[in-house]
Amino acid sequence: MKILKGIWKWGKRLFVLLFVGQLLYIGLLKWVNPPITFTQIGSVLDGRGFHQQNRPSASVSENARLAVIASEDQLFPDHNGFDWKSIQKAMEYNQKKPGRLRGASTISQQTAKNVFLWQGRSWVRKGLETYFTFMIEKIWGKKRILEVYLNVAEMGNGIFGIEQASQTYFNKPAKNLTQYEAAAIAAILPNPVKMSVKPMSPYVSSRARKIVQQMNFLKPDRDIQNLIRQ
């Protein structure tokens, strides 16, 4: 019994230490860019490499911010981190077609996963993703979430962040991306390992044009403007 009490005592201390540590880390990342993520480590281990250039929002084109919202999460300004209607639709779709899984992750969820967690579909990871999504929504806010997302998201095979993608595909800084260029990068986000901006497949080209249409539709919205402007 004495040994069990000792294990329980040290277990509680370890839990408190880890809990406080992750809270401090989340708070720190409101101002500091993540040093490296599990996805980036995995990219190196898989032989895809790791290439990244972090940039603050002021050094990124409004077109880039608008493109990822139009492509990935058009309700981003309005939800609390979760798009419950899309989640319900995805669950219904996955039940009907279990061999063709559909996701419904918001930009907030994707950011939480990319920064704090690993890739996968386990219930443990999804539970942690829910927790970290809630925390960054409360601590970081939408503009910081979008800024971090644009710096850590994989946008090509071993290419991380909008600046690295812009330099790789268009030989220009992210602040100079045109509408279509930003849309082309956003078009490959669902599967950046298999899809590419250069060479661009007919599917990616068609998707990029549709994203431009959605960008033009969303741009006049006041909440969207508050997010994409500095």
Protein backbone atom coordinates (compact mmCIF):
# COMPACT_ATOMS: atom_id res chain seq x y z
CA MET A 1 0.00 0.00 0.00
CA LYS A 2 2.84 2.37 0.82
CA ILE A 3 4.33 1.86 -2.66
CA LEU A 4 0.96 2.49 -4.30
CA LYS A 5 0.49 5.69 -2.29
CA GLY A 6 3.94 6.83 -3.38
CA ILE A 7 3.16 6.13 -7.03
CA TRP A 8 -0.16 7.97 -6.72
CA LYS A 9 1.56 10.94 -5.07
CA TRP A 10 4.21 11.22 -7.79
CA GLY A 11 1.58 10.63 -10.47
CA LYS A 12 -0.44 13.62 -9.23
CA ARG A 13 2.65 15.79 -9.14
CA LEU A 14 3.57 14.77 -12.68
CA PHE A 15 0.03 15.51 -13.88
CA VAL A 16 0.07 18.97 -12.29
CA LEU A 17 3.50 19.67 -13.76
CA LEU A 18 2.42 18.63 -17.26
CA PHE A 19 -0.85 20.55 -17.02
CA VAL A 20 0.83 23.75 -15.90
CA GLY A 21 3.59 23.26 -18.48
CA GLN A 22 1.19 22.96 -21.41
CA LEU A 23 -0.77 26.00 -20.22
CA LEU A 24 2.43 28.04 -20.15
CA TYR A 25 3.38 26.72 -23.59
CA ILE A 26 0.01 27.67 -25.07
CA GLY A 27 0.34 31.15 -23.57
CA LEU A 28 3.90 31.52 -24.88
CA LEU A 29 2.83 30.59 -28.42
CA LYS A 30 0.43 33.53 -28.47
CA TRP A 31 3.57 35.62 -29.04
CA VAL A 32 6.27 33.15 -30.15
CA ASN A 33 6.19 30.86 -33.20
CA PRO A 34 6.24 27.10 -32.51
CA PRO A 35 9.86 25.85 -32.76
CA ILE A 36 8.89 22.57 -34.50
CA THR A 37 5.87 20.27 -34.68
CA PHE A 38 5.32 16.51 -34.72
CA THR A 39 4.14 16.76 -38.35
CA GLN A 40 7.37 18.48 -39.33
CA ILE A 41 9.42 15.86 -37.49
CA GLY A 42 7.42 13.17 -39.27
CA SER A 43 8.12 14.84 -42.61
CA VAL A 44 11.85 14.58 -41.96
CA LEU A 45 11.63 10.96 -40.81
CA ASP A 46 9.57 10.05 -43.89
CA GLY A 47 12.23 11.53 -46.15
CA ARG A 48 10.08 14.42 -47.40
CA GLY A 49 12.31 17.02 -45.77
CA PHE A 50 11.39 20.12 -43.81
CA HIS A 51 11.46 23.60 -45.31
CA GLN A 52 9.84 26.54 -43.53
CA GLN A 53 10.03 30.32 -43.29
CA ASN A 54 7.88 31.97 -40.60
CA ARG A 55 6.30 35.32 -41.35
CA PRO A 56 4.07 37.65 -39.29
CA SER A 57 0.67 38.48 -40.72
CA ALA A 58 1.91 41.91 -41.81
CA SER A 59 4.29 40.16 -44.21
CA VAL A 60 1.60 37.96 -45.77
CA SER A 61 -0.80 38.99 -48.52
CA GLU A 62 -4.43 39.49 -47.60
CA ASN A 63 -5.09 37.18 -50.53
CA ALA A 64 -3.38 34.33 -48.69
CA ARG A 65 -5.45 34.79 -45.53
CA LEU A 66 -8.65 35.07 -47.54
CA ALA A 67 -7.79 32.06 -49.72
CA VAL A 68 -7.37 29.63 -46.81
CA ILE A 69 -10.61 30.87 -45.21
CA ALA A 70 -12.46 30.47 -48.52
CA SER A 71 -10.95 27.03 -49.04
CA GLU A 72 -10.87 25.51 -45.57
CA ASP A 73 -13.29 27.25 -43.23
CA GLN A 74 -15.69 29.92 -44.47
CA LEU A 75 -17.33 30.18 -41.05
CA PHE A 76 -14.00 30.80 -39.32
CA PRO A 77 -14.91 34.32 -38.06
CA ASP A 78 -18.18 33.10 -36.56
CA HIS A 79 -17.66 29.76 -34.81
CA ASN A 80 -16.02 29.00 -31.46
CA GLY A 81 -13.51 26.58 -32.96
CA PHE A 82 -15.97 23.91 -34.13
CA ASP A 83 -18.38 23.83 -37.08
CA TRP A 84 -20.96 21.51 -35.57
CA LYS A 85 -23.18 21.29 -38.67
CA SER A 86 -20.26 20.24 -40.85
CA ILE A 87 -19.15 17.74 -38.21
CA GLN A 88 -22.64 16.19 -38.18
CA LYS A 89 -22.70 15.98 -41.98
CA ALA A 90 -19.25 14.38 -42.04
CA MET A 91 -20.29 11.80 -39.45
CA GLU A 92 -23.38 10.90 -41.48
CA TYR A 93 -21.33 10.66 -44.67
CA ASN A 94 -18.67 8.47 -43.02
CA GLN A 95 -21.33 6.10 -41.69
CA LYS A 96 -22.77 5.67 -45.16
CA LYS A 97 -19.37 5.39 -46.88
CA PRO A 98 -16.83 4.14 -44.33
CA GLY A 99 -14.22 3.58 -47.03
CA ARG A 100 -14.20 7.24 -48.04
CA LEU A 101 -13.75 9.33 -44.92
CA ARG A 102 -14.69 13.01 -44.99
CA GLY A 103 -13.31 15.51 -42.50
CA ALA A 104 -14.88 18.66 -41.09
CA SER A 105 -11.97 20.30 -39.30
CA THR A 106 -11.98 24.07 -38.89
CA ILE A 107 -8.84 26.18 -39.24
CA SER A 108 -8.73 26.27 -35.43
CA GLN A 109 -8.81 22.48 -35.19
CA GLN A 110 -6.20 22.09 -37.91
CA THR A 111 -3.94 24.59 -36.13
CA ALA A 112 -4.32 22.78 -32.81
CA LYS A 113 -3.49 19.47 -34.48
CA ASN A 114 -0.54 20.85 -36.44
CA VAL A 115 1.05 22.66 -33.48
CA PHE A 116 0.46 20.34 -30.52
CA LEU A 117 -0.37 16.88 -31.86
CA TRP A 118 0.41 14.18 -34.39
CA GLN A 119 -1.41 13.11 -37.54
CA GLY A 120 -3.99 10.34 -37.20
CA ARG A 121 -7.62 9.54 -36.48
CA SER A 122 -7.55 7.94 -33.02
CA TRP A 123 -10.10 8.98 -30.41
CA VAL A 124 -7.31 9.99 -28.05
CA ARG A 125 -5.89 12.42 -30.60
CA LYS A 126 -9.34 13.80 -31.41
CA GLY A 127 -10.01 14.35 -27.72
CA LEU A 128 -6.75 16.23 -27.28
CA GLU A 129 -7.47 18.19 -30.45
CA THR A 130 -10.80 19.31 -28.97
CA TYR A 131 -9.05 20.50 -25.79
CA PHE A 132 -6.29 22.40 -27.59
CA THR A 133 -8.77 23.93 -30.04
CA PHE A 134 -10.81 25.28 -27.14
CA MET A 135 -7.69 26.67 -25.46
CA ILE A 136 -6.23 28.48 -28.48
CA GLU A 137 -9.63 29.99 -29.26
CA LYS A 138 -9.72 31.41 -25.73
CA ILE A 139 -6.05 32.39 -25.38
CA TRP A 140 -4.84 33.25 -28.89
CA GLY A 141 -7.89 34.61 -30.68
CA LYS A 142 -8.77 34.31 -34.37
CA LYS A 143 -6.03 36.51 -35.86
CA ARG A 144 -3.24 34.67 -34.06
CA ILE A 145 -4.74 31.28 -34.96
CA LEU A 146 -4.82 32.27 -38.63
CA GLU A 147 -1.25 33.61 -38.46
CA VAL A 148 0.08 30.40 -36.89
CA TYR A 149 -1.89 28.24 -39.32
CA LEU A 150 -0.33 30.02 -42.28
CA ASN A 151 3.12 29.36 -40.81
CA VAL A 152 2.81 25.70 -39.80
CA ALA A 153 0.43 24.11 -42.32
CA GLU A 154 2.04 21.77 -44.82
CA MET A 155 1.62 23.29 -48.28
CA GLY A 156 3.53 20.80 -50.37
CA ASN A 157 5.82 17.84 -49.95
CA GLY A 158 7.98 18.94 -47.01
CA ILE A 159 6.99 22.58 -47.57
CA PHE A 160 5.59 24.28 -44.46
CA GLY A 161 4.03 27.72 -44.27
CA ILE A 162 2.81 30.24 -46.81
CA GLU A 163 6.15 32.03 -47.18
CA GLN A 164 8.04 28.85 -48.08
CA ALA A 165 5.23 27.82 -50.45
CA SER A 166 5.20 31.22 -52.14
CA GLN A 167 8.96 31.21 -52.62
CA THR A 168 8.95 27.62 -53.88
CA TYR A 169 6.08 27.86 -56.33
CA PHE A 170 6.17 31.50 -57.47
CA ASN A 171 9.63 32.81 -56.54
CA LYS A 172 8.16 35.72 -54.58
CA PRO A 173 7.43 36.64 -50.95
CA ALA A 174 4.02 35.78 -49.55
CA LYS A 175 3.13 39.46 -49.23
CA ASN A 176 3.04 39.69 -53.06
CA LEU A 177 0.79 36.72 -53.78
CA THR A 178 -2.03 37.40 -56.23
CA GLN A 179 -5.55 36.07 -55.75
CA TYR A 180 -5.05 33.12 -58.05
CA GLU A 181 -1.60 32.25 -56.68
CA ALA A 182 -2.92 32.23 -53.12
CA ALA A 183 -5.92 30.17 -54.23
CA ALA A 184 -3.65 27.66 -55.99
CA ILE A 185 -1.71 27.07 -52.76
CA ALA A 186 -4.95 26.81 -50.76
CA ALA A 187 -6.28 24.30 -53.31
CA ILE A 188 -3.74 21.65 -52.29
CA LEU A 189 -4.28 21.96 -48.53
CA PRO A 190 -6.61 18.94 -48.28
CA ASN A 191 -3.72 16.70 -49.38
CA PRO A 192 -0.47 18.65 -49.81
CA VAL A 193 1.66 15.49 -50.09
CA LYS A 194 -0.17 14.11 -53.14
CA MET A 195 -1.31 17.36 -54.78
CA SER A 196 1.01 20.06 -56.12
CA VAL A 197 0.92 23.62 -57.39
CA LYS A 198 3.74 22.91 -59.82
CA PRO A 199 3.07 20.92 -61.91
CA MET A 200 -0.60 21.75 -61.43
CA SER A 201 -3.17 19.08 -62.22
CA PRO A 202 -6.50 19.96 -63.89
CA TYR A 203 -8.21 19.20 -60.58
CA VAL A 204 -6.07 21.67 -58.61
CA SER A 205 -6.47 24.30 -61.34
CA SER A 206 -10.26 23.91 -61.29
CA ARG A 207 -10.34 24.00 -57.49
CA ALA A 208 -8.18 27.14 -57.44
CA ARG A 209 -10.62 28.94 -59.77
CA LYS A 210 -13.54 27.98 -57.52
CA ILE A 211 -11.63 29.26 -54.48
CA VAL A 212 -11.10 32.62 -56.23
CA GLN A 213 -14.86 32.82 -56.77
CA GLN A 214 -15.47 32.16 -53.09
CA MET A 215 -12.82 34.74 -52.15
CA ASN A 216 -14.66 37.39 -54.16
CA PHE A 217 -17.92 36.36 -52.51
CA LEU A 218 -16.54 36.48 -48.95
CA LYS A 219 -14.30 39.54 -49.21
CA PRO A 220 -16.97 42.25 -48.63
CA ASP A 221 -18.07 40.63 -45.35
CA ARG A 222 -17.18 42.85 -42.40
CA ASP A 223 -16.05 39.99 -40.14
CA ILE A 224 -13.83 38.63 -42.90
CA GLN A 225 -12.32 42.06 -43.43
CA ASN A 226 -11.52 42.37 -39.72
CA LEU A 227 -9.57 39.12 -39.93
CA ILE A 228 -7.61 39.59 -43.14
CA ARG A 229 -6.65 43.24 -42.65
CA GLN A 230 -3.84 44.34 -40.34
